[in-house]
């Protein structure tokens, strides 16, 4: 696990008290609305997300920056790469 501190996020997705598999579905939807290079902060209290989200980022071509542990939750940071957030490149046509 890569721990970070004081990352400035462009947007926040609060998934505290949300059930699995939302921690894998909602970040992709949120990233799809963000610009390349922007950072999404995902708040969660689900321990499984600490492994699931970095793996999801790798699979989908997004950059997992790291984790910050807060009193009440984890903050996971993802940098938007090219594409629509789910790893599929946009096709124009």
PDB file of N, CA and C in Angstrom:
ATOM      1  N   UNK A   1       0.834  -1.178   0.000  1.00  0.00           N
ATOM      2  CA  UNK A   1       0.000   0.000   0.000  1.00  0.00           C
ATOM      3  C   UNK A   1       0.881   1.245   0.000  1.00  0.00           C
ATOM      4  N   UNK A   2       0.475   2.207  -0.772  1.00  0.00           N
ATOM      5  CA  UNK A   2       1.216   3.459  -0.868  1.00  0.00           C
ATOM      6  C   UNK A   2       0.448   4.529  -0.088  1.00  0.00           C
ATOM      7  N   UNK A   3       1.030   4.994   1.015  1.00  0.00           N
ATOM      8  CA  UNK A   3       0.388   6.021   1.820  1.00  0.00           C
ATOM      9  C   UNK A   3       0.864   7.400   1.386  1.00  0.00           C
ATOM     10  N   UNK A   4      -0.067   8.338   1.337  1.00  0.00           N
ATOM     11  CA  UNK A   4       0.228   9.704   0.914  1.00  0.00           C
ATOM     12  C   UNK A   4      -0.376  10.668   1.922  1.00  0.00           C
ATOM     13  N   UNK A   5      -0.019  11.932   1.770  1.00  0.00           N
ATOM     14  CA  UNK A   5      -0.533  12.960   2.677  1.00  0.00           C
ATOM     15  C   UNK A   5      -0.733  14.250   1.906  1.00  0.00           C
ATOM     16  N   UNK A   6      -1.775  14.980   2.246  1.00  0.00           N
ATOM     17  CA  UNK A   6      -2.019  16.323   1.712  1.00  0.00           C
ATOM     18  C   UNK A   6      -2.135  16.377   0.192  1.00  0.00           C
ATOM     19  N   UNK A   7      -2.856  15.437  -0.389  1.00  0.00           N
ATOM     20  CA  UNK A   7      -3.106  15.448  -1.837  1.00  0.00           C
ATOM     21  C   UNK A   7      -4.284  16.380  -2.106  1.00  0.00           C
ATOM     22  N   UNK A   8      -4.145  17.239  -3.098  1.00  0.00           N
ATOM     23  CA  UNK A   8      -5.245  18.131  -3.469  1.00  0.00           C
ATOM     24  C   UNK A   8      -6.089  17.442  -4.533  1.00  0.00           C
ATOM     25  N   UNK A   9      -7.350  17.203  -4.194  1.00  0.00           N
ATOM     26  CA  UNK A   9      -8.268  16.543  -5.122  1.00  0.00           C
ATOM     27  C   UNK A   9      -9.135  17.578  -5.836  1.00  0.00           C
ATOM     28  N   UNK A  10      -9.492  17.257  -7.076  1.00  0.00           N
ATOM     29  CA  UNK A  10     -10.392  18.109  -7.849  1.00  0.00           C
ATOM     30  C   UNK A  10     -11.856  17.800  -7.555  1.00  0.00           C
ATOM     31  N   UNK A  11     -12.125  16.575  -7.086  1.00  0.00           N
ATOM     32  CA  UNK A  11     -13.492  16.171  -6.777  1.00  0.00           C
ATOM     33  C   UNK A  11     -13.439  15.064  -5.732  1.00  0.00           C
ATOM     34  N   UNK A  12     -14.521  14.890  -4.991  1.00  0.00           N
ATOM     35  CA  UNK A  12     -14.596  13.882  -3.934  1.00  0.00           C
ATOM     36  C   UNK A  12     -15.824  13.013  -4.138  1.00  0.00           C
ATOM     37  N   UNK A  13     -15.638  11.718  -3.918  1.00  0.00           N
ATOM     38  CA  UNK A  13     -16.722  10.747  -3.987  1.00  0.00           C
ATOM     39  C   UNK A  13     -16.823  10.083  -2.624  1.00  0.00           C
ATOM     40  N   UNK A  14     -17.937  10.311  -1.924  1.00  0.00           N
ATOM     41  CA  UNK A  14     -18.122   9.792  -0.569  1.00  0.00           C
ATOM     42  C   UNK A  14     -18.851   8.452  -0.635  1.00  0.00           C
ATOM     43  N   UNK A  15     -18.118   7.378  -0.347  1.00  0.00           N
ATOM     44  CA  UNK A  15     -18.698   6.038  -0.335  1.00  0.00           C
ATOM     45  C   UNK A  15     -18.709   5.432   1.067  1.00  0.00           C
ATOM     46  N   UNK A  16     -18.584   6.278   2.094  1.00  0.00           N
ATOM     47  CA  UNK A  16     -18.628   5.799   3.470  1.00  0.00           C
ATOM     48  C   UNK A  16     -20.010   5.213   3.731  1.00  0.00           C
ATOM     49  N   UNK A  17     -20.018   4.046   4.349  1.00  0.00           N
ATOM     50  CA  UNK A  17     -21.252   3.303   4.674  1.00  0.00           C
ATOM     51  C   UNK A  17     -21.967   2.784   3.428  1.00  0.00           C
ATOM     52  N   UNK A  18     -21.302   2.731   2.292  1.00  0.00           N
ATOM     53  CA  UNK A  18     -21.901   2.195   1.068  1.00  0.00           C
ATOM     54  C   UNK A  18     -21.460   0.748   0.895  1.00  0.00           C
ATOM     55  N   UNK A  19     -22.321  -0.056   0.367  1.00  0.00           N
ATOM     56  CA  UNK A  19     -22.062  -1.480   0.222  1.00  0.00           C
ATOM     57  C   UNK A  19     -21.247  -1.783  -1.042  1.00  0.00           C
ATOM     58  N   UNK A  20     -20.497  -2.869  -0.989  1.00  0.00           N
ATOM     59  CA  UNK A  20     -19.802  -3.414  -2.142  1.00  0.00           C
ATOM     60  C   UNK A  20     -20.866  -3.824  -3.165  1.00  0.00           C
ATOM     61  N   UNK A  21     -20.743  -3.603  -4.443  1.00  0.00           N
ATOM     62  CA  UNK A  21     -19.567  -3.248  -5.220  1.00  0.00           C
ATOM     63  C   UNK A  21     -19.530  -1.786  -5.631  1.00  0.00           C
ATOM     64  N   UNK A  22     -20.246  -0.906  -4.926  1.00  0.00           N
ATOM     65  CA  UNK A  22     -20.285   0.505  -5.325  1.00  0.00           C
ATOM     66  C   UNK A  22     -18.898   1.142  -5.337  1.00  0.00           C
ATOM     67  N   UNK A  23     -18.001   0.658  -4.480  1.00  0.00           N
ATOM     68  CA  UNK A  23     -16.648   1.230  -4.448  1.00  0.00           C
ATOM     69  C   UNK A  23     -15.888   0.968  -5.751  1.00  0.00           C
ATOM     70  N   UNK A  24     -16.381   0.048  -6.581  1.00  0.00           N
ATOM     71  CA  UNK A  24     -15.764  -0.200  -7.884  1.00  0.00           C
ATOM     72  C   UNK A  24     -16.571   0.376  -9.034  1.00  0.00           C
ATOM     73  N   UNK A  25     -17.847   0.622  -8.845  1.00  0.00           N
ATOM     74  CA  UNK A  25     -18.691   1.135  -9.918  1.00  0.00           C
ATOM     75  C   UNK A  25     -18.699   2.662  -9.977  1.00  0.00           C
ATOM     76  N   UNK A  26     -18.876   3.293  -8.849  1.00  0.00           N
ATOM     77  CA  UNK A  26     -19.057   4.742  -8.825  1.00  0.00           C
ATOM     78  C   UNK A  26     -17.803   5.551  -9.181  1.00  0.00           C
ATOM     79  N   UNK A  27     -16.582   5.105  -8.822  1.00  0.00           N
ATOM     80  CA  UNK A  27     -15.413   5.893  -9.258  1.00  0.00           C
ATOM     81  C   UNK A  27     -15.315   6.003 -10.778  1.00  0.00           C
ATOM     82  N   UNK A  28     -15.634   4.948 -11.498  1.00  0.00           N
ATOM     83  CA  UNK A  28     -15.590   4.988 -12.957  1.00  0.00           C
ATOM     84  C   UNK A  28     -16.571   5.988 -13.528  1.00  0.00           C
ATOM     85  N   UNK A  29     -17.768   6.037 -12.930  1.00  0.00           N
ATOM     86  CA  UNK A  29     -18.781   6.995 -13.383  1.00  0.00           C
ATOM     87  C   UNK A  29     -18.324   8.421 -13.108  1.00  0.00           C
ATOM     88  N   UNK A  30     -17.731   8.634 -11.945  1.00  0.00           N
ATOM     89  CA  UNK A  30     -17.263   9.971 -11.579  1.00  0.00           C
ATOM     90  C   UNK A  30     -16.091  10.408 -12.459  1.00  0.00           C
ATOM     91  N   UNK A  31     -15.142   9.503 -12.696  1.00  0.00           N
ATOM     92  CA  UNK A  31     -13.988   9.816 -13.532  1.00  0.00           C
ATOM     93  C   UNK A  31     -14.399  10.123 -14.962  1.00  0.00           C
ATOM     94  N   UNK A  32     -15.464   9.503 -15.430  1.00  0.00           N
ATOM     95  CA  UNK A  32     -15.941   9.738 -16.797  1.00  0.00           C
ATOM     96  C   UNK A  32     -16.323  11.199 -17.006  1.00  0.00           C
ATOM     97  N   UNK A  33     -16.668  11.890 -15.936  1.00  0.00           N
ATOM     98  CA  UNK A  33     -17.073  13.300 -16.010  1.00  0.00           C
ATOM     99  C   UNK A  33     -15.909  14.257 -15.728  1.00  0.00           C
ATOM    100  N   UNK A  34     -14.744  13.707 -15.450  1.00  0.00           N
ATOM    101  CA  UNK A  34     -13.593  14.537 -15.109  1.00  0.00           C
ATOM    102  C   UNK A  34     -12.647  14.647 -16.301  1.00  0.00           C
ATOM    103  N   UNK A  35     -11.758  15.642 -16.239  1.00  0.00           N
ATOM    104  CA  UNK A  35     -10.771  15.862 -17.294  1.00  0.00           C
ATOM    105  C   UNK A  35      -9.502  15.078 -16.989  1.00  0.00           C
ATOM    106  N   UNK A  36      -8.784  14.751 -18.049  1.00  0.00           N
ATOM    107  CA  UNK A  36      -7.521  14.049 -17.900  1.00  0.00           C
ATOM    108  C   UNK A  36      -6.593  14.843 -16.985  1.00  0.00           C
ATOM    109  N   UNK A  37      -5.963  14.146 -16.044  1.00  0.00           N
ATOM    110  CA  UNK A  37      -5.040  14.781 -15.114  1.00  0.00           C
ATOM    111  C   UNK A  37      -5.675  15.193 -13.802  1.00  0.00           C
ATOM    112  N   UNK A  38      -7.008  15.270 -13.748  1.00  0.00           N
ATOM    113  CA  UNK A  38      -7.668  15.642 -12.501  1.00  0.00           C
ATOM    114  C   UNK A  38      -7.608  14.481 -11.507  1.00  0.00           C
ATOM    115  N   UNK A  39      -7.714  14.826 -10.225  1.00  0.00           N
ATOM    116  CA  UNK A  39      -7.596  13.842  -9.153  1.00  0.00           C
ATOM    117  C   UNK A  39      -8.938  13.673  -8.450  1.00  0.00           C
ATOM    118  N   UNK A  40      -9.331  12.401  -8.300  1.00  0.00           N
ATOM    119  CA  UNK A  40     -10.553  12.050  -7.574  1.00  0.00           C
ATOM    120  C   UNK A  40     -10.170  11.491  -6.215  1.00  0.00           C
ATOM    121  N   UNK A  41     -10.807  12.013  -5.176  1.00  0.00           N
ATOM    122  CA  UNK A  41     -10.638  11.514  -3.823  1.00  0.00           C
ATOM    123  C   UNK A  41     -11.845  10.627  -3.517  1.00  0.00           C
ATOM    124  N   UNK A  42     -11.598   9.371  -3.149  1.00  0.00           N
ATOM    125  CA  UNK A  42     -12.669   8.432  -2.812  1.00  0.00           C
ATOM    126  C   UNK A  42     -12.610   8.178  -1.315  1.00  0.00           C
ATOM    127  N   UNK A  43     -13.698   8.512  -0.616  1.00  0.00           N
ATOM    128  CA  UNK A  43     -13.788   8.279   0.823  1.00  0.00           C
ATOM    129  C   UNK A  43     -14.514   6.961   1.049  1.00  0.00           C
ATOM    130  N   UNK A  44     -13.934   6.076   1.853  1.00  0.00           N
ATOM    131  CA  UNK A  44     -14.572   4.797   2.132  1.00  0.00           C
ATOM    132  C   UNK A  44     -14.149   4.275   3.503  1.00  0.00           C
ATOM    133  N   UNK A  45     -15.024   3.488   4.098  1.00  0.00           N
ATOM    134  CA  UNK A  45     -14.683   2.807   5.339  1.00  0.00           C
ATOM    135  C   UNK A  45     -14.615   1.293   5.114  1.00  0.00           C
ATOM    136  N   UNK A  46     -14.657   0.889   3.863  1.00  0.00           N
ATOM    137  CA  UNK A  46     -14.628  -0.518   3.486  1.00  0.00           C
ATOM    138  C   UNK A  46     -13.181  -0.971   3.289  1.00  0.00           C
ATOM    139  N   UNK A  47     -12.703  -1.856   4.164  1.00  0.00           N
ATOM    140  CA  UNK A  47     -11.309  -2.305   4.113  1.00  0.00           C
ATOM    141  C   UNK A  47     -10.949  -2.962   2.779  1.00  0.00           C
ATOM    142  N   UNK A  48     -11.892  -3.645   2.158  1.00  0.00           N
ATOM    143  CA  UNK A  48     -11.641  -4.314   0.895  1.00  0.00           C
ATOM    144  C   UNK A  48     -11.248  -3.355  -0.219  1.00  0.00           C
ATOM    145  N   UNK A  49     -11.675  -2.101  -0.098  1.00  0.00           N
ATOM    146  CA  UNK A  49     -11.358  -1.094  -1.121  1.00  0.00           C
ATOM    147  C   UNK A  49      -9.862  -0.812  -1.192  1.00  0.00           C
ATOM    148  N   UNK A  50      -9.136  -1.068  -0.101  1.00  0.00           N
ATOM    149  CA  UNK A  50      -7.699  -0.792  -0.074  1.00  0.00           C
ATOM    150  C   UNK A  50      -6.941  -1.652  -1.079  1.00  0.00           C
ATOM    151  N   UNK A  51      -7.468  -2.815  -1.398  1.00  0.00           N
ATOM    152  CA  UNK A  51      -6.873  -3.667  -2.431  1.00  0.00           C
ATOM    153  C   UNK A  51      -7.641  -3.555  -3.742  1.00  0.00           C
ATOM    154  N   UNK A  52      -8.957  -3.457  -3.637  1.00  0.00           N
ATOM    155  CA  UNK A  52      -9.805  -3.464  -4.837  1.00  0.00           C
ATOM    156  C   UNK A  52      -9.589  -2.241  -5.728  1.00  0.00           C
ATOM    157  N   UNK A  53      -9.533  -1.055  -5.147  1.00  0.00           N
ATOM    158  CA  UNK A  53      -9.438   0.161  -5.955  1.00  0.00           C
ATOM    159  C   UNK A  53      -8.086   0.270  -6.677  1.00  0.00           C
ATOM    160  N   UNK A  54      -6.950   0.000  -6.019  1.00  0.00           N
ATOM    161  CA  UNK A  54      -5.692   0.014  -6.786  1.00  0.00           C
ATOM    162  C   UNK A  54      -5.694  -1.006  -7.938  1.00  0.00           C
ATOM    163  N   UNK A  55      -6.254  -2.181  -7.706  1.00  0.00           N
ATOM    164  CA  UNK A  55      -6.340  -3.195  -8.765  1.00  0.00           C
ATOM    165  C   UNK A  55      -7.247  -2.728  -9.893  1.00  0.00           C
ATOM    166  N   UNK A  56      -8.358  -2.107  -9.543  1.00  0.00           N
ATOM    167  CA  UNK A  56      -9.303  -1.577 -10.535  1.00  0.00           C
ATOM    168  C   UNK A  56      -8.613  -0.507 -11.385  1.00  0.00           C
ATOM    169  N   UNK A  57      -7.845   0.365 -10.731  1.00  0.00           N
ATOM    170  CA  UNK A  57      -7.123   1.425 -11.467  1.00  0.00           C
ATOM    171  C   UNK A  57      -6.165   0.822 -12.484  1.00  0.00           C
ATOM    172  N   UNK A  58      -5.425  -0.184 -12.069  1.00  0.00           N
ATOM    173  CA  UNK A  58      -4.470  -0.825 -12.974  1.00  0.00           C
ATOM    174  C   UNK A  58      -5.199  -1.459 -14.163  1.00  0.00           C
ATOM    175  N   UNK A  59      -6.286  -2.138 -13.881  1.00  0.00           N
ATOM    176  CA  UNK A  59      -7.070  -2.802 -14.931  1.00  0.00           C
ATOM    177  C   UNK A  59      -7.679  -1.797 -15.908  1.00  0.00           C
ATOM    178  N   UNK A  60      -8.106  -0.657 -15.387  1.00  0.00           N
ATOM    179  CA  UNK A  60      -8.822   0.334 -16.197  1.00  0.00           C
ATOM    180  C   UNK A  60      -7.936   1.439 -16.748  1.00  0.00           C
ATOM    181  N   UNK A  61      -6.650   1.393 -16.453  1.00  0.00           N
ATOM    182  CA  UNK A  61      -5.741   2.386 -17.011  1.00  0.00           C
ATOM    183  C   UNK A  61      -5.765   3.725 -16.313  1.00  0.00           C
ATOM    184  N   UNK A  62      -6.216   3.732 -15.055  1.00  0.00           N
ATOM    185  CA  UNK A  62      -6.199   4.963 -14.279  1.00  0.00           C
ATOM    186  C   UNK A  62      -4.997   4.917 -13.327  1.00  0.00           C
ATOM    187  N   UNK A  63      -4.538   6.067 -12.867  1.00  0.00           N
ATOM    188  CA  UNK A  63      -3.370   6.119 -11.981  1.00  0.00           C
ATOM    189  C   UNK A  63      -3.809   6.154 -10.526  1.00  0.00           C
ATOM    190  N   UNK A  64      -3.449   5.125  -9.779  1.00  0.00           N
ATOM    191  CA  UNK A  64      -3.713   5.119  -8.344  1.00  0.00           C
ATOM    192  C   UNK A  64      -2.573   5.859  -7.669  1.00  0.00           C
ATOM    193  N   UNK A  65      -2.886   6.971  -7.008  1.00  0.00           N
ATOM    194  CA  UNK A  65      -1.860   7.805  -6.373  1.00  0.00           C
ATOM    195  C   UNK A  65      -1.489   7.259  -5.001  1.00  0.00           C
ATOM    196  N   UNK A  66      -2.494   6.909  -4.185  1.00  0.00           N
ATOM    197  CA  UNK A  66      -2.213   6.384  -2.860  1.00  0.00           C
ATOM    198  C   UNK A  66      -3.385   6.544  -1.914  1.00  0.00           C
ATOM    199  N   UNK A  67      -3.115   6.204  -0.649  1.00  0.00           N
ATOM    200  CA  UNK A  67      -4.140   6.167   0.397  1.00  0.00           C
ATOM    201  C   UNK A  67      -3.714   7.080   1.547  1.00  0.00           C
ATOM    202  N   UNK A  68      -4.677   7.794   2.075  1.00  0.00           N
ATOM    203  CA  UNK A  68      -4.470   8.564   3.306  1.00  0.00           C
ATOM    204  C   UNK A  68      -5.478   8.032   4.317  1.00  0.00           C
ATOM    205  N   UNK A  69      -4.998   7.671   5.499  1.00  0.00           N
ATOM    206  CA  UNK A  69      -5.889   7.155   6.531  1.00  0.00           C
ATOM    207  C   UNK A  69      -6.343   8.299   7.420  1.00  0.00           C
ATOM    208  N   UNK A  70      -7.669   8.449   7.541  1.00  0.00           N
ATOM    209  CA  UNK A  70      -8.273   9.484   8.372  1.00  0.00           C
ATOM    210  C   UNK A  70      -8.860   8.806   9.602  1.00  0.00           C
ATOM    211  N   UNK A  71      -9.376   9.578  10.539  1.00  0.00           N
ATOM    212  CA  UNK A  71      -9.986   9.006  11.746  1.00  0.00           C
ATOM    213  C   UNK A  71     -11.155   8.087  11.419  1.00  0.00           C
ATOM    214  N   UNK A  72     -12.013   8.535  10.517  1.00  0.00           N
ATOM    215  CA  UNK A  72     -13.268   7.825  10.257  1.00  0.00           C
ATOM    216  C   UNK A  72     -13.282   7.029   8.966  1.00  0.00           C
ATOM    217  N   UNK A  73     -12.312   7.261   8.093  1.00  0.00           N
ATOM    218  CA  UNK A  73     -12.359   6.595   6.792  1.00  0.00           C
ATOM    219  C   UNK A  73     -10.985   6.615   6.128  1.00  0.00           C
ATOM    220  N   UNK A  74     -10.927   5.939   5.002  1.00  0.00           N
ATOM    221  CA  UNK A  74      -9.750   5.992   4.138  1.00  0.00           C
ATOM    222  C   UNK A  74     -10.036   6.968   3.015  1.00  0.00           C
ATOM    223  N   UNK A  75      -8.992   7.644   2.563  1.00  0.00           N
ATOM    224  CA  UNK A  75      -9.096   8.516   1.391  1.00  0.00           C
ATOM    225  C   UNK A  75      -8.178   7.923   0.330  1.00  0.00           C
ATOM    226  N   UNK A  76      -8.761   7.503  -0.769  1.00  0.00           N
ATOM    227  CA  UNK A  76      -7.994   6.922  -1.865  1.00  0.00           C
ATOM    228  C   UNK A  76      -7.993   7.913  -3.018  1.00  0.00           C
ATOM    229  N   UNK A  77      -6.832   8.105  -3.630  1.00  0.00           N
ATOM    230  CA  UNK A  77      -6.680   9.121  -4.664  1.00  0.00           C
ATOM    231  C   UNK A  77      -6.376   8.480  -6.016  1.00  0.00           C
ATOM    232  N   UNK A  78      -7.146   8.899  -7.025  1.00  0.00           N
ATOM    233  CA  UNK A  78      -7.016   8.379  -8.384  1.00  0.00           C
ATOM    234  C   UNK A  78      -6.844   9.561  -9.337  1.00  0.00           C
ATOM    235  N   UNK A  79      -5.820   9.484 -10.208  1.00  0.00           N
ATOM    236  CA  UNK A  79      -5.634  10.507 -11.235  1.00  0.00           C
ATOM    237  C   UNK A  79      -6.230   9.996 -12.539  1.00  0.00           C
ATOM    238  N   UNK A  80      -7.093  10.813 -13.134  1.00  0.00           N
ATOM    239  CA  UNK A  80      -7.754  10.465 -14.397  1.00  0.00           C
ATOM    240  C   UNK A  80      -6.743  10.419 -15.529  1.00  0.00           C
ATOM    241  N   UNK A  81      -6.742   9.320 -16.231  1.00  0.00           N
ATOM    242  CA  UNK A  81      -5.929   9.168 -17.432  1.00  0.00           C
ATOM    243  C   UNK A  81      -6.844   9.318 -18.634  1.00  0.00           C
ATOM    244  N   UNK A  82      -6.314   9.114 -19.832  1.00  0.00           N
ATOM    245  CA  UNK A  82      -7.132   9.203 -21.038  1.00  0.00           C
ATOM    246  C   UNK A  82      -8.271   8.201 -20.978  1.00  0.00           C
ATOM    247  N   UNK A  83      -9.318   8.497 -21.710  1.00  0.00           N
ATOM    248  CA  UNK A  83     -10.470   7.601 -21.753  1.00  0.00           C
ATOM    249  C   UNK A  83     -11.606   8.143 -20.923  1.00  0.00           C
ATOM    250  N   UNK A  84     -12.595   7.305 -20.710  1.00  0.00           N
ATOM    251  CA  UNK A  84     -13.804   7.769 -20.037  1.00  0.00           C
ATOM    252  C   UNK A  84     -13.888   7.342 -18.580  1.00  0.00           C
ATOM    253  N   UNK A  85     -12.825   6.794 -18.026  1.00  0.00           N
ATOM    254  CA  UNK A  85     -12.825   6.445 -16.617  1.00  0.00           C
ATOM    255  C   UNK A  85     -12.919   4.964 -16.359  1.00  0.00           C
ATOM    256  N   UNK A  86     -13.386   4.191 -17.337  1.00  0.00           N
ATOM    257  CA  UNK A  86     -13.506   2.754 -17.112  1.00  0.00           C
ATOM    258  C   UNK A  86     -12.447   1.964 -17.864  1.00  0.00           C
ATOM    259  N   UNK A  87     -11.459   2.664 -18.406  1.00  0.00           N
ATOM    260  CA  UNK A  87     -10.381   1.997 -19.104  1.00  0.00           C
ATOM    261  C   UNK A  87     -10.619   1.848 -20.597  1.00  0.00           C
ATOM    262  N   UNK A  88     -11.779   2.217 -21.071  1.00  0.00           N
ATOM    263  CA  UNK A  88     -12.086   2.113 -22.493  1.00  0.00           C
ATOM    264  C   UNK A  88     -11.859   3.476 -23.133  1.00  0.00           C
ATOM    265  N   UNK A  89     -11.075   3.518 -24.150  1.00  0.00           N
ATOM    266  CA  UNK A  89     -10.798   4.783 -24.842  1.00  0.00           C
ATOM    267  C   UNK A  89     -12.044   5.264 -25.562  1.00  0.00           C
ATOM    268  N   UNK A  90     -12.230   6.548 -25.553  1.00  0.00           N
ATOM    269  CA  UNK A  90     -13.353   7.141 -26.278  1.00  0.00           C
ATOM    270  C   UNK A  90     -13.111   7.006 -27.776  1.00  0.00           C
ATOM    271  N   UNK A  91     -14.161   6.700 -28.507  1.00  0.00           N
ATOM    272  CA  UNK A  91     -14.065   6.559 -29.954  1.00  0.00           C
ATOM    273  C   UNK A  91     -14.858   7.690 -30.574  1.00  0.00           C
ATOM    274  N   UNK A  92     -14.203   8.479 -31.415  1.00  0.00           N
ATOM    275  CA  UNK A  92     -14.921   9.565 -32.078  1.00  0.00           C
ATOM    276  C   UNK A  92     -15.155   9.176 -33.514  1.00  0.00           C
ATOM    277  N   UNK A  93     -16.273   9.669 -34.021  1.00  0.00           N
ATOM    278  CA  UNK A  93     -16.459   9.239 -35.255  1.00  0.00           C
ATOM    279  C   UNK A  93     -17.098   9.540 -36.404  1.00  0.00           C
TER     280      UNK A  93
END
